[in-house]
Amino acid sequence: MKYVTSWERIAKEEGIEIGKEEGIEIGKEEGEKKGKLETAVAMVKKGLNLDLIAEVTGFSKQRVQQLAADSNSPGI
């Protein structure tokens, strides 16, 4: 069995904690992106102005236009 010094153990624990925190942050960011996308699609389906949707969501007008085109297809 390999001997692990106390500073190695502490460093490993700190690394695991940092990894967890980074993973949580990435998950939050992905969730926010998904929520904005779902909101934009719902707004498009309600027929709201594309400029307004872009302003509210922070998406480019081009991205919103693409969502509008995609929402007319059977997949959305």
N, C-alpha and C. Protein backbone atom coordinates (compact mmCIF):
# COMPACT_ATOMS: atom_id res chain seq x y z
N MET A 1 0.84 -1.17 0.00
CA MET A 1 0.00 0.00 0.00
C MET A 1 0.89 1.24 0.00
N LYS A 2 0.57 2.17 -0.86
CA LYS A 2 1.36 3.39 -0.99
C LYS A 2 1.08 4.32 0.19
N TYR A 3 2.15 4.87 0.73
CA TYR A 3 2.01 5.84 1.82
C TYR A 3 1.65 7.19 1.24
N VAL A 4 0.64 7.81 1.81
CA VAL A 4 0.21 9.13 1.37
C VAL A 4 0.42 10.09 2.53
N THR A 5 1.19 11.13 2.25
CA THR A 5 1.44 12.11 3.31
C THR A 5 0.20 12.95 3.55
N SER A 6 0.19 13.61 4.69
CA SER A 6 -0.99 14.43 5.03
C SER A 6 -1.17 15.56 4.03
N TRP A 7 -0.09 16.14 3.54
CA TRP A 7 -0.25 17.24 2.57
C TRP A 7 -0.75 16.73 1.23
N GLU A 8 -0.39 15.49 0.86
CA GLU A 8 -0.92 14.90 -0.37
C GLU A 8 -2.42 14.64 -0.23
N ARG A 9 -2.82 14.15 0.94
CA ARG A 9 -4.24 13.89 1.20
C ARG A 9 -5.04 15.19 1.16
N ILE A 10 -4.51 16.23 1.79
CA ILE A 10 -5.19 17.53 1.81
C ILE A 10 -5.29 18.09 0.40
N ALA A 11 -4.20 18.00 -0.36
CA ALA A 11 -4.21 18.50 -1.74
C ALA A 11 -5.24 17.75 -2.58
N LYS A 12 -5.33 16.44 -2.39
CA LYS A 12 -6.30 15.64 -3.13
C LYS A 12 -7.73 16.06 -2.76
N GLU A 13 -7.99 16.24 -1.48
CA GLU A 13 -9.31 16.67 -1.03
C GLU A 13 -9.68 18.05 -1.59
N GLU A 14 -8.69 18.95 -1.58
CA GLU A 14 -8.94 20.29 -2.13
C GLU A 14 -9.21 20.21 -3.63
N GLY A 15 -8.49 19.36 -4.32
CA GLY A 15 -8.70 19.18 -5.76
C GLY A 15 -10.09 18.64 -6.05
N ILE A 16 -10.53 17.69 -5.25
CA ILE A 16 -11.87 17.14 -5.43
C ILE A 16 -12.91 18.22 -5.19
N GLU A 17 -12.74 19.01 -4.16
CA GLU A 17 -13.69 20.08 -3.84
C GLU A 17 -13.73 21.12 -4.96
N ILE A 18 -12.58 21.49 -5.48
CA ILE A 18 -12.54 22.45 -6.60
C ILE A 18 -13.24 21.86 -7.81
N GLY A 19 -13.00 20.60 -8.09
CA GLY A 19 -13.66 19.93 -9.21
C GLY A 19 -15.18 19.91 -9.07
N LYS A 20 -15.65 19.66 -7.85
CA LYS A 20 -17.10 19.67 -7.60
C LYS A 20 -17.67 21.06 -7.85
N GLU A 21 -16.99 22.08 -7.33
CA GLU A 21 -17.47 23.46 -7.50
C GLU A 21 -17.52 23.85 -8.97
N GLU A 22 -16.49 23.47 -9.71
CA GLU A 22 -16.46 23.77 -11.14
C GLU A 22 -17.58 23.03 -11.88
N GLY A 23 -17.81 21.80 -11.50
CA GLY A 23 -18.88 21.01 -12.11
C GLY A 23 -20.25 21.61 -11.84
N ILE A 24 -20.46 22.08 -10.62
CA ILE A 24 -21.72 22.73 -10.27
C ILE A 24 -21.90 24.00 -11.09
N GLU A 25 -20.84 24.79 -11.21
CA GLU A 25 -20.91 26.03 -11.98
C GLU A 25 -21.23 25.75 -13.45
N ILE A 26 -20.59 24.75 -14.02
CA ILE A 26 -20.85 24.39 -15.42
C ILE A 26 -22.30 23.94 -15.57
N GLY A 27 -22.80 23.17 -14.62
CA GLY A 27 -24.18 22.71 -14.65
C GLY A 27 -25.16 23.87 -14.59
N LYS A 28 -24.87 24.85 -13.74
CA LYS A 28 -25.73 26.03 -13.65
C LYS A 28 -25.76 26.79 -14.97
N GLU A 29 -24.59 26.98 -15.56
CA GLU A 29 -24.52 27.71 -16.83
C GLU A 29 -25.30 26.99 -17.93
N GLU A 30 -25.16 25.67 -17.99
CA GLU A 30 -25.88 24.88 -18.99
C GLU A 30 -27.39 24.97 -18.75
N GLY A 31 -27.79 24.94 -17.49
CA GLY A 31 -29.20 25.05 -17.16
C GLY A 31 -29.78 26.41 -17.55
N GLU A 32 -28.99 27.46 -17.32
CA GLU A 32 -29.43 28.79 -17.71
C GLU A 32 -29.59 28.90 -19.22
N LYS A 33 -28.64 28.34 -19.95
CA LYS A 33 -28.71 28.37 -21.42
C LYS A 33 -29.95 27.63 -21.90
N LYS A 34 -30.21 26.46 -21.32
CA LYS A 34 -31.37 25.67 -21.73
C LYS A 34 -32.66 26.41 -21.40
N GLY A 35 -32.70 27.05 -20.24
CA GLY A 35 -33.88 27.81 -19.86
C GLY A 35 -34.15 28.97 -20.80
N LYS A 36 -33.08 29.69 -21.18
CA LYS A 36 -33.25 30.80 -22.12
C LYS A 36 -33.73 30.30 -23.47
N LEU A 37 -33.21 29.17 -23.89
CA LEU A 37 -33.62 28.60 -25.18
C LEU A 37 -35.10 28.21 -25.14
N GLU A 38 -35.51 27.55 -24.07
CA GLU A 38 -36.91 27.15 -23.94
C GLU A 38 -37.83 28.37 -23.90
N THR A 39 -37.39 29.42 -23.21
CA THR A 39 -38.17 30.66 -23.14
C THR A 39 -38.28 31.28 -24.52
N ALA A 40 -37.18 31.34 -25.25
CA ALA A 40 -37.19 31.94 -26.59
C ALA A 40 -38.12 31.16 -27.51
N VAL A 41 -38.07 29.84 -27.46
CA VAL A 41 -38.93 29.02 -28.31
C VAL A 41 -40.40 29.26 -27.95
N ALA A 42 -40.70 29.34 -26.66
CA ALA A 42 -42.09 29.59 -26.24
C ALA A 42 -42.55 30.96 -26.73
N MET A 43 -41.67 31.96 -26.66
CA MET A 43 -42.03 33.30 -27.12
C MET A 43 -42.27 33.32 -28.63
N VAL A 44 -41.44 32.58 -29.36
CA VAL A 44 -41.62 32.48 -30.81
C VAL A 44 -42.97 31.85 -31.12
N LYS A 45 -43.30 30.76 -30.41
CA LYS A 45 -44.56 30.08 -30.65
C LYS A 45 -45.76 30.96 -30.32
N LYS A 46 -45.58 31.90 -29.38
CA LYS A 46 -46.66 32.84 -29.03
C LYS A 46 -46.77 33.98 -30.04
N GLY A 47 -45.80 34.03 -30.96
CA GLY A 47 -45.85 35.05 -32.00
C GLY A 47 -45.32 36.41 -31.59
N LEU A 48 -44.50 36.44 -30.54
CA LEU A 48 -43.93 37.72 -30.11
C LEU A 48 -42.90 38.23 -31.11
N ASN A 49 -42.68 39.51 -31.07
CA ASN A 49 -41.74 40.18 -31.96
C ASN A 49 -40.34 39.61 -31.77
N LEU A 50 -39.67 39.28 -32.88
CA LEU A 50 -38.35 38.65 -32.81
C LEU A 50 -37.30 39.57 -32.20
N ASP A 51 -37.42 40.87 -32.44
CA ASP A 51 -36.49 41.82 -31.82
C ASP A 51 -36.64 41.81 -30.30
N LEU A 52 -37.88 41.74 -29.84
CA LEU A 52 -38.14 41.69 -28.40
C LEU A 52 -37.56 40.41 -27.80
N ILE A 53 -37.77 39.30 -28.49
CA ILE A 53 -37.24 38.02 -28.00
C ILE A 53 -35.72 38.08 -27.89
N ALA A 54 -35.08 38.65 -28.90
CA ALA A 54 -33.62 38.78 -28.88
C ALA A 54 -33.18 39.64 -27.70
N GLU A 55 -33.89 40.72 -27.46
CA GLU A 55 -33.53 41.63 -26.37
C GLU A 55 -33.70 40.95 -25.01
N VAL A 56 -34.79 40.25 -24.83
CA VAL A 56 -35.08 39.62 -23.54
C VAL A 56 -34.13 38.46 -23.25
N THR A 57 -33.85 37.65 -24.25
CA THR A 57 -33.03 36.46 -24.04
C THR A 57 -31.54 36.71 -24.16
N GLY A 58 -31.17 37.78 -24.86
CA GLY A 58 -29.76 38.03 -25.10
C GLY A 58 -29.23 37.30 -26.32
N PHE A 59 -30.10 36.57 -27.01
CA PHE A 59 -29.70 35.91 -28.25
C PHE A 59 -29.62 36.95 -29.37
N SER A 60 -28.84 36.64 -30.37
CA SER A 60 -28.79 37.52 -31.54
C SER A 60 -30.10 37.38 -32.31
N LYS A 61 -30.41 38.43 -33.09
CA LYS A 61 -31.63 38.37 -33.89
C LYS A 61 -31.56 37.19 -34.86
N GLN A 62 -30.37 36.94 -35.38
CA GLN A 62 -30.18 35.82 -36.31
C GLN A 62 -30.52 34.49 -35.62
N ARG A 63 -30.09 34.34 -34.37
CA ARG A 63 -30.37 33.10 -33.62
C ARG A 63 -31.88 32.96 -33.40
N VAL A 64 -32.54 34.07 -33.07
CA VAL A 64 -33.98 34.03 -32.84
C VAL A 64 -34.72 33.70 -34.15
N GLN A 65 -34.24 34.26 -35.26
CA GLN A 65 -34.84 33.94 -36.55
C GLN A 65 -34.70 32.45 -36.86
N GLN A 66 -33.55 31.88 -36.50
CA GLN A 66 -33.34 30.45 -36.72
C GLN A 66 -34.29 29.64 -35.85
N LEU A 67 -34.48 30.06 -34.59
CA LEU A 67 -35.43 29.37 -33.71
C LEU A 67 -36.84 29.45 -34.29
N ALA A 68 -37.19 30.61 -34.85
CA ALA A 68 -38.51 30.77 -35.44
C ALA A 68 -38.68 29.83 -36.64
N ALA A 69 -37.64 29.73 -37.46
CA ALA A 69 -37.71 28.83 -38.62
C ALA A 69 -37.80 27.38 -38.15
N ASP A 70 -37.04 27.05 -37.10
CA ASP A 70 -37.05 25.67 -36.57
C ASP A 70 -38.39 25.34 -35.91
N SER A 71 -39.03 26.34 -35.32
CA SER A 71 -40.28 26.07 -34.62
C SER A 71 -41.42 25.75 -35.58
N ASN A 72 -41.21 26.10 -36.84
CA ASN A 72 -42.21 25.76 -37.87
C ASN A 72 -42.07 24.34 -38.36
N SER A 73 -40.95 23.70 -37.98
CA SER A 73 -40.76 22.31 -38.38
C SER A 73 -41.40 21.40 -37.34
N PRO A 74 -41.74 20.16 -37.69
CA PRO A 74 -42.45 19.27 -36.77
C PRO A 74 -41.67 18.88 -35.52
N GLY A 75 -40.34 19.09 -35.50
CA GLY A 75 -39.52 18.65 -34.37
C GLY A 75 -39.65 19.48 -33.12
N ILE A 76 -40.17 20.69 -33.22
CA ILE A 76 -40.24 21.56 -32.03
C ILE A 76 -41.67 21.77 -31.60
